[in-house]
PDB file of all heavy atoms in Angstrom:
ATOM      1  N   ARG A   1     -12.277   2.217   4.129  1.00  0.00           N
ATOM      2  CA  ARG A   1     -12.304   2.287   5.591  1.00  0.00           C
ATOM      3  C   ARG A   1     -11.292   3.324   6.097  1.00  0.00           C
ATOM      4  O   ARG A   1     -11.565   4.044   7.062  1.00  0.00           O
ATOM      5  CB  ARG A   1     -11.990   0.917   6.196  1.00  0.00           C
ATOM      6  CG  ARG A   1     -12.100   0.847   7.689  1.00  0.00           C
ATOM      7  CD  ARG A   1     -11.983  -0.594   8.175  1.00  0.00           C
ATOM      8  NE  ARG A   1     -12.216  -0.701   9.602  1.00  0.00           N
ATOM      9  CZ  ARG A   1     -12.383  -1.846  10.236  1.00  0.00           C
ATOM     10  NH1 ARG A   1     -12.360  -2.991   9.559  1.00  0.00           N
ATOM     11  NH2 ARG A   1     -12.585  -1.873  11.550  1.00  0.00           N
ATOM     12  N   HIS A   2     -10.142   3.407   5.437  1.00  0.00           N
ATOM     13  CA  HIS A   2      -9.158   4.423   5.812  1.00  0.00           C
ATOM     14  C   HIS A   2      -9.698   5.838   5.561  1.00  0.00           C
ATOM     15  O   HIS A   2      -9.454   6.753   6.345  1.00  0.00           O
ATOM     16  CB  HIS A   2      -7.865   4.190   5.013  1.00  0.00           C
ATOM     17  CG  HIS A   2      -6.783   5.163   5.345  1.00  0.00           C
ATOM     18  ND1 HIS A   2      -5.855   4.923   6.331  1.00  0.00           N
ATOM     19  CD2 HIS A   2      -6.479   6.395   4.840  1.00  0.00           C
ATOM     20  CE1 HIS A   2      -5.028   5.948   6.413  1.00  0.00           C
ATOM     21  NE2 HIS A   2      -5.381   6.850   5.511  1.00  0.00           N
ATOM     22  N   ARG A   3     -10.447   5.987   4.458  1.00  0.00           N
ATOM     23  CA  ARG A   3     -10.974   7.306   4.121  1.00  0.00           C
ATOM     24  C   ARG A   3     -12.116   7.745   5.018  1.00  0.00           C
ATOM     25  O   ARG A   3     -12.522   8.911   4.958  1.00  0.00           O
ATOM     26  CB  ARG A   3     -11.433   7.316   2.660  1.00  0.00           C
ATOM     27  CG  ARG A   3     -10.291   7.213   1.655  1.00  0.00           C
ATOM     28  CD  ARG A   3     -10.813   7.277   0.219  1.00  0.00           C
ATOM     29  NE  ARG A   3     -11.459   8.552  -0.034  1.00  0.00           N
ATOM     30  CZ  ARG A   3     -12.027   8.863  -1.203  1.00  0.00           C
ATOM     31  NH1 ARG A   3     -12.042   7.959  -2.176  1.00  0.00           N
ATOM     32  NH2 ARG A   3     -12.615  10.026  -1.382  1.00  0.00           N
ATOM     33  N   LEU A   4     -12.631   6.851   5.839  1.00  0.00           N
ATOM     34  CA  LEU A   4     -13.676   7.262   6.775  1.00  0.00           C
ATOM     35  C   LEU A   4     -13.122   8.194   7.840  1.00  0.00           C
ATOM     36  O   LEU A   4     -13.858   9.059   8.373  1.00  0.00           O
ATOM     37  CB  LEU A   4     -14.295   6.034   7.448  1.00  0.00           C
ATOM     38  CG  LEU A   4     -15.149   5.102   6.576  1.00  0.00           C
ATOM     39  CD1 LEU A   4     -15.588   3.894   7.383  1.00  0.00           C
ATOM     40  CD2 LEU A   4     -16.355   5.843   6.005  1.00  0.00           C
ATOM     41  N   HIS A   5     -11.857   8.035   8.194  1.00  0.00           N
ATOM     42  CA  HIS A   5     -11.279   8.762   9.331  1.00  0.00           C
ATOM     43  C   HIS A   5     -10.329   9.874   8.885  1.00  0.00           C
ATOM     44  O   HIS A   5     -10.218  10.892   9.563  1.00  0.00           O
ATOM     45  CB  HIS A   5     -10.563   7.781  10.246  1.00  0.00           C
ATOM     46  CG  HIS A   5     -11.389   6.594  10.625  1.00  0.00           C
ATOM     47  ND1 HIS A   5     -12.457   6.686  11.509  1.00  0.00           N
ATOM     48  CD2 HIS A   5     -11.351   5.296  10.232  1.00  0.00           C
ATOM     49  CE1 HIS A   5     -13.015   5.505  11.662  1.00  0.00           C
ATOM     50  NE2 HIS A   5     -12.368   4.641  10.897  1.00  0.00           N
ATOM     51  N   GLU A   6      -9.613   9.658   7.788  1.00  0.00           N
ATOM     52  CA  GLU A   6      -8.684  10.683   7.305  1.00  0.00           C
ATOM     53  C   GLU A   6      -8.492  10.484   5.807  1.00  0.00           C
ATOM     54  O   GLU A   6      -8.848   9.475   5.223  1.00  0.00           O
ATOM     55  CB  GLU A   6      -7.346  10.544   8.049  1.00  0.00           C
ATOM     56  CG  GLU A   6      -6.697   9.184   7.935  1.00  0.00           C
ATOM     57  CD  GLU A   6      -5.404   9.111   8.714  1.00  0.00           C
ATOM     58  OE1 GLU A   6      -4.859  10.181   9.026  1.00  0.00           O
ATOM     59  OE2 GLU A   6      -4.947   7.997   9.013  1.00  0.00           O
ATOM     60  N   SER A   7      -7.893  11.521   5.200  1.00  0.00           N
ATOM     61  CA  SER A   7      -7.640  11.459   3.758  1.00  0.00           C
ATOM     62  C   SER A   7      -6.568  10.389   3.438  1.00  0.00           C
ATOM     63  O   SER A   7      -5.712  10.101   4.270  1.00  0.00           O
ATOM     64  CB  SER A   7      -7.212  12.825   3.235  1.00  0.00           C
ATOM     65  OG  SER A   7      -6.023  13.239   3.896  1.00  0.00           O
ATOM     66  N   TYR A   8      -6.658   9.858   2.244  1.00  0.00           N
ATOM     67  CA  TYR A   8      -5.724   8.800   1.813  1.00  0.00           C
ATOM     68  C   TYR A   8      -4.720   9.403   0.834  1.00  0.00           C
ATOM     69  O   TYR A   8      -5.103  10.074  -0.136  1.00  0.00           O
ATOM     70  CB  TYR A   8      -6.509   7.668   1.141  1.00  0.00           C
ATOM     71  CG  TYR A   8      -5.668   6.466   0.812  1.00  0.00           C
ATOM     72  CD1 TYR A   8      -5.504   5.432   1.726  1.00  0.00           C
ATOM     73  CD2 TYR A   8      -5.019   6.347  -0.420  1.00  0.00           C
ATOM     74  CE1 TYR A   8      -4.738   4.313   1.448  1.00  0.00           C
ATOM     75  CE2 TYR A   8      -4.249   5.245  -0.731  1.00  0.00           C
ATOM     76  CZ  TYR A   8      -4.104   4.220   0.205  1.00  0.00           C
ATOM     77  OH  TYR A   8      -3.352   3.122  -0.090  1.00  0.00           O
ATOM     78  N   GLU A   9      -3.447   9.174   1.093  1.00  0.00           N
ATOM     79  CA  GLU A   9      -2.407   9.736   0.249  1.00  0.00           C
ATOM     80  C   GLU A   9      -1.746   8.604  -0.569  1.00  0.00           C
ATOM     81  O   GLU A   9      -1.291   7.603  -0.021  1.00  0.00           O
ATOM     82  CB  GLU A   9      -1.329  10.433   1.085  1.00  0.00           C
ATOM     83  CG  GLU A   9      -0.251  11.110   0.245  1.00  0.00           C
ATOM     84  CD  GLU A   9       0.729  11.907   1.076  1.00  0.00           C
ATOM     85  OE1 GLU A   9       0.531  11.923   2.318  1.00  0.00           O
ATOM     86  OE2 GLU A   9       1.658  12.488   0.508  1.00  0.00           O
ATOM     87  N   TRP A  10      -1.689   8.806  -1.897  1.00  0.00           N
ATOM     88  CA  TRP A  10      -1.073   7.835  -2.793  1.00  0.00           C
ATOM     89  C   TRP A  10       0.431   8.088  -2.898  1.00  0.00           C
ATOM     90  O   TRP A  10       0.928   9.089  -2.370  1.00  0.00           O
ATOM     91  CB  TRP A  10      -1.712   7.916  -4.192  1.00  0.00           C
ATOM     92  CG  TRP A  10      -3.151   7.501  -4.201  1.00  0.00           C
ATOM     93  CD1 TRP A  10      -4.240   8.321  -4.123  1.00  0.00           C
ATOM     94  CD2 TRP A  10      -3.663   6.172  -4.274  1.00  0.00           C
ATOM     95  NE1 TRP A  10      -5.395   7.617  -4.157  1.00  0.00           N
ATOM     96  CE2 TRP A  10      -5.076   6.274  -4.257  1.00  0.00           C
ATOM     97  CE3 TRP A  10      -3.078   4.912  -4.350  1.00  0.00           C
ATOM     98  CZ2 TRP A  10      -5.902   5.150  -4.329  1.00  0.00           C
ATOM     99  CZ3 TRP A  10      -3.896   3.796  -4.423  1.00  0.00           C
ATOM    100  CH2 TRP A  10      -5.278   3.922  -4.408  1.00  0.00           C
ATOM    101  N   ALA A  11       1.115   7.194  -3.566  1.00  0.00           N
ATOM    102  CA  ALA A  11       2.558   7.290  -3.671  1.00  0.00           C
ATOM    103  C   ALA A  11       3.005   8.533  -4.443  1.00  0.00           C
ATOM    104  O   ALA A  11       4.082   9.081  -4.192  1.00  0.00           O
ATOM    105  CB  ALA A  11       3.121   6.034  -4.332  1.00  0.00           C
ATOM    106  N   ASP A  12       2.181   8.997  -5.394  1.00  0.00           N
ATOM    107  CA  ASP A  12       2.529  10.185  -6.186  1.00  0.00           C
ATOM    108  C   ASP A  12       2.172  11.487  -5.498  1.00  0.00           C
ATOM    109  O   ASP A  12       2.318  12.561  -6.092  1.00  0.00           O
ATOM    110  CB  ASP A  12       1.883  10.111  -7.555  1.00  0.00           C
ATOM    111  CG  ASP A  12       0.359  10.017  -7.452  1.00  0.00           C
ATOM    112  OD1 ASP A  12      -0.178   9.988  -6.315  1.00  0.00           O
ATOM    113  OD2 ASP A  12      -0.317   9.983  -8.505  1.00  0.00           O
ATOM    114  N   GLY A  13       1.679  11.410  -4.269  1.00  0.00           N
ATOM    115  CA  GLY A  13       1.332  12.621  -3.514  1.00  0.00           C
ATOM    116  C   GLY A  13      -0.122  13.027  -3.624  1.00  0.00           C
ATOM    117  O   GLY A  13      -0.545  13.980  -2.940  1.00  0.00           O
ATOM    118  N   THR A  14      -0.891  12.350  -4.462  1.00  0.00           N
ATOM    119  CA  THR A  14      -2.299  12.684  -4.610  1.00  0.00           C
ATOM    120  C   THR A  14      -3.078  12.266  -3.359  1.00  0.00           C
ATOM    121  O   THR A  14      -2.845  11.192  -2.803  1.00  0.00           O
ATOM    122  CB  THR A  14      -2.902  11.972  -5.834  1.00  0.00           C
ATOM    123  OG1 THR A  14      -2.125  12.296  -6.983  1.00  0.00           O
ATOM    124  CG2 THR A  14      -4.346  12.394  -6.077  1.00  0.00           C
ATOM    125  N   ARG A  15      -3.994  13.118  -2.953  1.00  0.00           N
ATOM    126  CA  ARG A  15      -4.789  12.838  -1.751  1.00  0.00           C
ATOM    127  C   ARG A  15      -6.263  12.663  -2.106  1.00  0.00           C
ATOM    128  O   ARG A  15      -6.806  13.434  -2.893  1.00  0.00           O
ATOM    129  CB  ARG A  15      -4.655  13.990  -0.731  1.00  0.00           C
ATOM    130  CG  ARG A  15      -3.374  13.932   0.066  1.00  0.00           C
ATOM    131  CD  ARG A  15      -3.349  15.009   1.137  1.00  0.00           C
ATOM    132  NE  ARG A  15      -2.246  14.835   2.043  1.00  0.00           N
ATOM    133  CZ  ARG A  15      -2.264  14.070   3.127  1.00  0.00           C
ATOM    134  NH1 ARG A  15      -3.360  13.409   3.439  1.00  0.00           N
ATOM    135  NH2 ARG A  15      -1.188  13.972   3.914  1.00  0.00           N
ATOM    136  N   ASP A  16      -6.864  11.649  -1.528  1.00  0.00           N
ATOM    137  CA  ASP A  16      -8.308  11.437  -1.631  1.00  0.00           C
ATOM    138  C   ASP A  16      -8.941  11.839  -0.314  1.00  0.00           C
ATOM    139  O   ASP A  16      -8.554  11.370   0.755  1.00  0.00           O
ATOM    140  CB  ASP A  16      -8.612   9.966  -1.931  1.00  0.00           C
ATOM    141  CG  ASP A  16      -8.148   9.557  -3.309  1.00  0.00           C
ATOM    142  OD1 ASP A  16      -7.973  10.455  -4.165  1.00  0.00           O
ATOM    143  OD2 ASP A  16      -7.987   8.348  -3.552  1.00  0.00           O
ATOM    144  N   ASN A  17      -9.942  12.712  -0.396  1.00  0.00           N
ATOM    145  CA  ASN A  17     -10.569  13.264   0.809  1.00  0.00           C
ATOM    146  C   ASN A  17     -11.375  12.207   1.556  1.00  0.00           C
ATOM    147  O   ASN A  17     -11.666  11.130   1.029  1.00  0.00           O
ATOM    148  CB  ASN A  17     -11.464  14.447   0.435  1.00  0.00           C
ATOM    149  CG  ASN A  17     -10.679  15.589  -0.161  1.00  0.00           C
ATOM    150  OD1 ASN A  17      -9.512  15.794   0.182  1.00  0.00           O
ATOM    151  ND2 ASN A  17     -11.301  16.329  -1.071  1.00  0.00           N
ATOM    152  N   THR A  18     -11.739  12.535   2.773  1.00  0.00           N
ATOM    153  CA  THR A  18     -12.544  11.648   3.585  1.00  0.00           C
ATOM    154  C   THR A  18     -13.956  11.521   3.020  1.00  0.00           C
ATOM    155  O   THR A  18     -14.442  12.415   2.314  1.00  0.00           O
ATOM    156  CB  THR A  18     -12.614  12.131   5.037  1.00  0.00           C
ATOM    157  OG1 THR A  18     -13.165  13.469   5.039  1.00  0.00           O
ATOM    158  CG2 THR A  18     -11.229  12.163   5.661  1.00  0.00           C
ATOM    159  N   VAL A  19     -14.610  10.409   3.323  1.00  0.00           N
ATOM    160  CA  VAL A  19     -15.981  10.173   2.864  1.00  0.00           C
ATOM    161  C   VAL A  19     -16.846   9.794   4.071  1.00  0.00           C
ATOM    162  O   VAL A  19     -16.347   9.345   5.111  1.00  0.00           O
ATOM    163  CB  VAL A  19     -16.021   9.030   1.821  1.00  0.00           C
ATOM    164  CG1 VAL A  19     -15.297   9.435   0.562  1.00  0.00           C
ATOM    165  CG2 VAL A  19     -15.464   7.738   2.396  1.00  0.00           C
ATOM    166  N   ALA A  20     -18.143   9.995   3.924  1.00  0.00           N
ATOM    167  CA  ALA A  20     -19.086   9.622   4.967  1.00  0.00           C
ATOM    168  C   ALA A  20     -19.336   8.116   4.921  1.00  0.00           C
ATOM    169  O   ALA A  20     -19.129   7.452   3.903  1.00  0.00           O
ATOM    170  CB  ALA A  20     -20.398  10.372   4.791  1.00  0.00           C
ATOM    171  N   ALA A  21     -19.779   7.584   6.035  1.00  0.00           N
ATOM    172  CA  ALA A  21     -20.037   6.138   6.115  1.00  0.00           C
ATOM    173  C   ALA A  21     -21.121   5.722   5.132  1.00  0.00           C
ATOM    174  O   ALA A  21     -21.038   4.648   4.512  1.00  0.00           O
ATOM    175  CB  ALA A  21     -20.435   5.751   7.544  1.00  0.00           C
ATOM    176  N   SER A  22     -22.130   6.576   4.980  1.00  0.00           N
ATOM    177  CA  SER A  22     -23.214   6.226   4.053  1.00  0.00           C
ATOM    178  C   SER A  22     -22.716   6.166   2.621  1.00  0.00           C
ATOM    179  O   SER A  22     -23.102   5.269   1.847  1.00  0.00           O
ATOM    180  CB  SER A  22     -24.347   7.263   4.170  1.00  0.00           C
ATOM    181  OG  SER A  22     -23.856   8.570   3.917  1.00  0.00           O
ATOM    182  N   TYR A  23     -21.841   7.111   2.243  1.00  0.00           N
ATOM    183  CA  TYR A  23     -21.311   7.112   0.872  1.00  0.00           C
ATOM    184  C   TYR A  23     -20.385   5.930   0.649  1.00  0.00           C
ATOM    185  O   TYR A  23     -20.387   5.306  -0.431  1.00  0.00           O
ATOM    186  CB  TYR A  23     -20.565   8.422   0.603  1.00  0.00           C
ATOM    187  CG  TYR A  23     -20.066   8.555  -0.813  1.00  0.00           C
ATOM    188  CD1 TYR A  23     -20.954   8.489  -1.894  1.00  0.00           C
ATOM    189  CD2 TYR A  23     -18.712   8.738  -1.061  1.00  0.00           C
ATOM    190  CE1 TYR A  23     -20.488   8.621  -3.205  1.00  0.00           C
ATOM    191  CE2 TYR A  23     -18.257   8.874  -2.380  1.00  0.00           C
ATOM    192  CZ  TYR A  23     -19.140   8.799  -3.426  1.00  0.00           C
ATOM    193  OH  TYR A  23     -18.696   8.918  -4.721  1.00  0.00           O
ATOM    194  N   ALA A  24     -19.591   5.552   1.651  1.00  0.00           N
ATOM    195  CA  ALA A  24     -18.723   4.399   1.522  1.00  0.00           C
ATOM    196  C   ALA A  24     -19.536   3.118   1.344  1.00  0.00           C
ATOM    197  O   ALA A  24     -19.176   2.239   0.559  1.00  0.00           O
ATOM    198  CB  ALA A  24     -17.799   4.292   2.742  1.00  0.00           C
ATOM    199  N   HIS A  25     -20.643   3.025   2.064  1.00  0.00           N
ATOM    200  CA  HIS A  25     -21.549   1.875   1.887  1.00  0.00           C
ATOM    201  C   HIS A  25     -22.087   1.849   0.465  1.00  0.00           C
ATOM    202  O   HIS A  25     -22.167   0.778  -0.156  1.00  0.00           O
ATOM    203  CB  HIS A  25     -22.706   1.966   2.875  1.00  0.00           C
ATOM    204  CG  HIS A  25     -22.425   1.337   4.211  1.00  0.00           C
ATOM    205  ND1 HIS A  25     -22.886   0.086   4.549  1.00  0.00           N
ATOM    206  CD2 HIS A  25     -21.718   1.792   5.276  1.00  0.00           C
ATOM    207  CE1 HIS A  25     -22.480  -0.200   5.784  1.00  0.00           C
ATOM    208  NE2 HIS A  25     -21.790   0.829   6.251  1.00  0.00           N
ATOM    209  N   ASN A  26     -22.449   3.000  -0.059  1.00  0.00           N
ATOM    210  CA  ASN A  26     -22.972   3.052  -1.424  1.00  0.00           C
ATOM    211  C   ASN A  26     -21.907   2.674  -2.441  1.00  0.00           C
ATOM    212  O   ASN A  26     -22.208   2.012  -3.456  1.00  0.00           O
ATOM    213  CB  ASN A  26     -23.503   4.447  -1.735  1.00  0.00           C
ATOM    214  CG  ASN A  26     -24.760   4.777  -0.953  1.00  0.00           C
ATOM    215  OD1 ASN A  26     -25.481   3.874  -0.522  1.00  0.00           O
ATOM    216  ND2 ASN A  26     -25.026   6.049  -0.771  1.00  0.00           N
ATOM    217  N   LEU A  27     -20.651   3.074  -2.219  1.00  0.00           N
ATOM    218  CA  LEU A  27     -19.583   2.718  -3.144  1.00  0.00           C
ATOM    219  C   LEU A  27     -19.361   1.213  -3.190  1.00  0.00           C
ATOM    220  O   LEU A  27     -19.176   0.627  -4.265  1.00  0.00           O
ATOM    221  CB  LEU A  27     -18.280   3.425  -2.718  1.00  0.00           C
ATOM    222  CG  LEU A  27     -18.224   4.945  -2.911  1.00  0.00           C
ATOM    223  CD1 LEU A  27     -16.921   5.500  -2.363  1.00  0.00           C
ATOM    224  CD2 LEU A  27     -18.384   5.323  -4.374  1.00  0.00           C
ATOM    225  N   ILE A  28     -19.404   0.557  -2.032  1.00  0.00           N
ATOM    226  CA  ILE A  28     -19.227  -0.902  -1.994  1.00  0.00           C
ATOM    227  C   ILE A  28     -20.442  -1.589  -2.618  1.00  0.00           C
ATOM    228  O   ILE A  28     -20.301  -2.587  -3.340  1.00  0.00           O
ATOM    229  CB  ILE A  28     -19.004  -1.368  -0.562  1.00  0.00           C
ATOM    230  CG1 ILE A  28     -17.651  -0.843  -0.054  1.00  0.00           C
ATOM    231  CG2 ILE A  28     -19.033  -2.880  -0.466  1.00  0.00           C
ATOM    232  CD1 ILE A  28     -17.339  -1.216   1.374  1.00  0.00           C
TER     233      ILE A  28
END
């Protein structure tokens, strides 16, 4: 849900880009 609006940053500095709502539904 966080990645729907902005990228997610982990503690080590790695960033996960945003995803579309359809792709997030498919992941779940």
